[in-house]
Structures are given as C-alpha cells and as structure tokens.
Amino acid sequence: VHFCTIPDTFGDMIFVVEPMPLDEIHVRPVAENFTDFIRVLLAVRFTGILLDIPLRTEAEFREGLQIFREQHETEEHTEKLRHLAAYYGVTPMDDPYTYIRSLQDTFDYNLIPFSDDYYDSCGLPNPNK
C-alpha cells in the first residue's frame, strides 16, 4: 500500500494505492490535497484504516479507530503525530470518515489513467483501446 498523486490529471489530490483490495478498486482518493491528508492522518492516527472506509459504516470505522488506539498506539506514536501537526501548523480533521466517503462516493474512477502494464498484470482489457 502506498500514497501518491496523479498531478497531470488530478493536481494535488492524494490517492491510496492498494495492490490487493477487497473489491476491484485499486486506487482511491483520500484527500483533496496534502494539507487535508495530514489533517486526516492526525484524526485517524494511522493509515491502515483508510483502506477500510469504503467497506465500513461510520460506526464500524469509529470502532476500528478505538480498537487501534487501545491496542497499538504508543506515546512515541502520539508524539510523532504532535510533531507533524506542529510542523505543518494544522489540526486533526473533525470528521475524516464523512470527508473521505464524500470524496470517494463522488469521484469518477474512470478518469484514472492506468498504463497498459496495469491492465496486462490484472488480466483486464484496456477500456481506452
């Protein structure tokens, strides 16, 4: 899993790329820009849960956040997030679930420019040819 931009097509929008998604969408938007991405990260505390947003209700999402915090969050992790917030001068996003769901639910996935190699490796026909 990694995060990227597709600047020629989507400007500053941040995407998560998941090689083995639970559905058939490998690339999803998670923030309109880098500042929003940092604000989302500060709110959710770890990036793994961003993969689950399309597959979870808001209640399930919030429960997943709570479980992570109880089982995995350390003072060192919290301190790194505080440093990130101070460095960029931002605060955690108030409602990251609704923000990301809205972004993903209104996004036209057909506009993502995939290479021929992508379609070949997935065994899919390239719809642009």
Protein backbone atom coordinates (compact mmCIF):
# COMPACT_ATOMS: atom_id res chain seq x y z
CA VAL A 1 0.00 0.00 0.00
CA HIS A 2 1.26 3.47 -0.78
CA PHE A 3 0.03 7.01 -1.27
CA CYS A 4 0.60 9.17 -4.32
CA THR A 5 -0.61 12.00 -6.50
CA ILE A 6 -1.54 11.92 -10.18
CA PRO A 7 -0.57 15.53 -10.90
CA ASP A 8 -1.25 15.70 -14.64
CA THR A 9 -4.84 14.56 -14.14
CA PHE A 10 -5.86 15.38 -10.56
CA GLY A 11 -3.47 18.08 -9.35
CA ASP A 12 -2.76 17.87 -5.61
CA MET A 13 -5.28 15.11 -4.80
CA ILE A 14 -3.81 12.29 -2.67
CA PHE A 15 -4.63 8.67 -3.54
CA VAL A 16 -4.13 5.39 -1.74
CA VAL A 17 -2.93 2.55 -3.96
CA GLU A 18 -3.82 -0.92 -2.74
CA PRO A 19 -2.43 -3.86 -4.74
CA MET A 20 -4.89 -6.39 -3.27
CA PRO A 21 -8.16 -4.59 -2.45
CA LEU A 22 -11.19 -6.41 -1.10
CA ASP A 23 -13.17 -5.02 -4.00
CA GLU A 24 -11.95 -4.24 -7.52
CA ILE A 25 -10.82 -0.66 -6.96
CA HIS A 26 -7.04 -0.42 -6.59
CA VAL A 27 -6.72 3.38 -6.43
CA ARG A 28 -8.94 5.66 -4.34
CA PRO A 29 -8.78 9.34 -3.41
CA VAL A 30 -8.25 10.00 0.30
CA ALA A 31 -7.64 13.78 0.35
CA GLU A 32 -8.05 16.74 -1.95
CA ASN A 33 -4.54 17.95 -1.11
CA PHE A 34 -1.53 17.26 1.11
CA THR A 35 -2.72 19.51 3.94
CA ASP A 36 -6.04 17.66 4.13
CA PHE A 37 -4.13 14.36 4.04
CA ILE A 38 -2.10 15.39 7.08
CA ARG A 39 -5.28 16.53 8.84
CA VAL A 40 -6.93 13.16 8.07
CA LEU A 41 -3.85 11.31 9.32
CA LEU A 42 -3.88 13.31 12.55
CA ALA A 43 -7.54 12.42 13.06
CA VAL A 44 -7.32 8.71 12.30
CA ARG A 45 -3.82 8.22 13.82
CA PHE A 46 -2.73 5.50 11.32
CA THR A 47 -3.09 5.00 7.60
CA GLY A 48 -4.30 1.38 7.57
CA ILE A 49 -7.86 2.28 8.41
CA LEU A 50 -8.11 4.49 5.33
CA LEU A 51 -8.28 1.30 3.25
CA ASP A 52 -11.40 0.18 5.10
CA ILE A 53 -13.52 3.31 4.70
CA PRO A 54 -15.36 2.17 1.54
CA LEU A 55 -16.22 -1.13 3.23
CA ARG A 56 -17.26 0.12 6.69
CA THR A 57 -20.14 2.03 8.16
CA GLU A 58 -19.24 5.08 10.18
CA ALA A 59 -19.87 3.15 13.39
CA GLU A 60 -17.55 0.34 12.27
CA PHE A 61 -14.93 2.91 11.30
CA ARG A 62 -15.07 4.60 14.71
CA GLU A 63 -14.91 1.22 16.44
CA GLY A 64 -11.83 0.31 14.38
CA LEU A 65 -10.15 3.56 15.40
CA GLN A 66 -10.86 2.88 19.05
CA ILE A 67 -9.50 -0.67 18.85
CA PHE A 68 -6.31 0.55 17.19
CA ARG A 69 -5.77 3.21 19.82
CA GLU A 70 -6.29 0.75 22.65
CA GLN A 71 -4.08 -1.98 21.18
CA HIS A 72 -1.35 -0.21 19.24
CA GLU A 73 -0.95 3.47 19.95
CA THR A 74 2.14 4.36 21.95
CA GLU A 75 3.39 7.60 23.46
CA GLU A 76 6.10 7.64 20.76
CA HIS A 77 3.44 7.40 18.04
CA THR A 78 1.41 10.17 19.66
CA GLU A 79 4.50 12.36 19.94
CA LYS A 80 5.30 11.90 16.25
CA LEU A 81 1.75 12.96 15.35
CA ARG A 82 2.09 16.04 17.60
CA HIS A 83 5.33 16.93 15.82
CA LEU A 84 3.65 16.50 12.42
CA ALA A 85 0.78 18.79 13.47
CA ALA A 86 3.18 21.44 14.74
CA TYR A 87 5.44 21.23 11.69
CA TYR A 88 2.55 21.75 9.24
CA GLY A 89 0.55 24.03 11.52
CA VAL A 90 -2.65 22.01 11.20
CA THR A 91 -5.20 20.33 13.45
CA PRO A 92 -6.91 16.95 13.09
CA MET A 93 -9.86 16.88 10.72
CA ASP A 94 -13.18 16.91 12.60
CA ASP A 95 -14.92 14.23 10.53
CA PRO A 96 -12.46 12.28 8.37
CA TYR A 97 -14.93 9.48 7.62
CA THR A 98 -17.52 11.78 6.03
CA TYR A 99 -14.81 13.77 4.23
CA ILE A 100 -13.27 10.68 2.62
CA ARG A 101 -16.59 8.95 1.89
CA SER A 102 -17.86 12.06 0.17
CA LEU A 103 -14.67 12.34 -1.86
CA GLN A 104 -14.77 8.67 -2.87
CA ASP A 105 -18.52 8.49 -3.49
CA THR A 106 -18.43 11.42 -5.94
CA PHE A 107 -15.15 10.52 -7.64
CA ASP A 108 -15.16 9.32 -11.27
CA TYR A 109 -12.82 6.33 -11.15
CA ASN A 110 -12.91 6.04 -14.93
CA LEU A 111 -10.72 9.14 -15.16
CA ILE A 112 -7.70 7.47 -13.50
CA PRO A 113 -5.08 6.93 -16.22
CA PHE A 114 -3.79 3.36 -15.91
CA SER A 115 -0.96 2.08 -18.08
CA ASP A 116 -1.11 -0.90 -20.41
CA ASP A 117 1.09 -2.74 -17.89
CA TYR A 118 -1.58 -2.31 -15.23
CA TYR A 119 -4.27 -3.88 -17.40
CA ASP A 120 -1.92 -6.67 -18.52
CA SER A 121 -0.92 -7.54 -14.94
CA CYS A 122 -4.57 -7.61 -13.84
CA GLY A 123 -5.62 -9.64 -16.85
CA LEU A 124 -8.09 -6.95 -17.87
CA PRO A 125 -8.80 -5.42 -21.26
CA ASN A 126 -7.77 -1.78 -21.53
CA PRO A 127 -11.06 0.12 -21.96
CA ASN A 128 -9.21 3.01 -23.59
CA LYS A 129 -8.22 0.96 -26.63
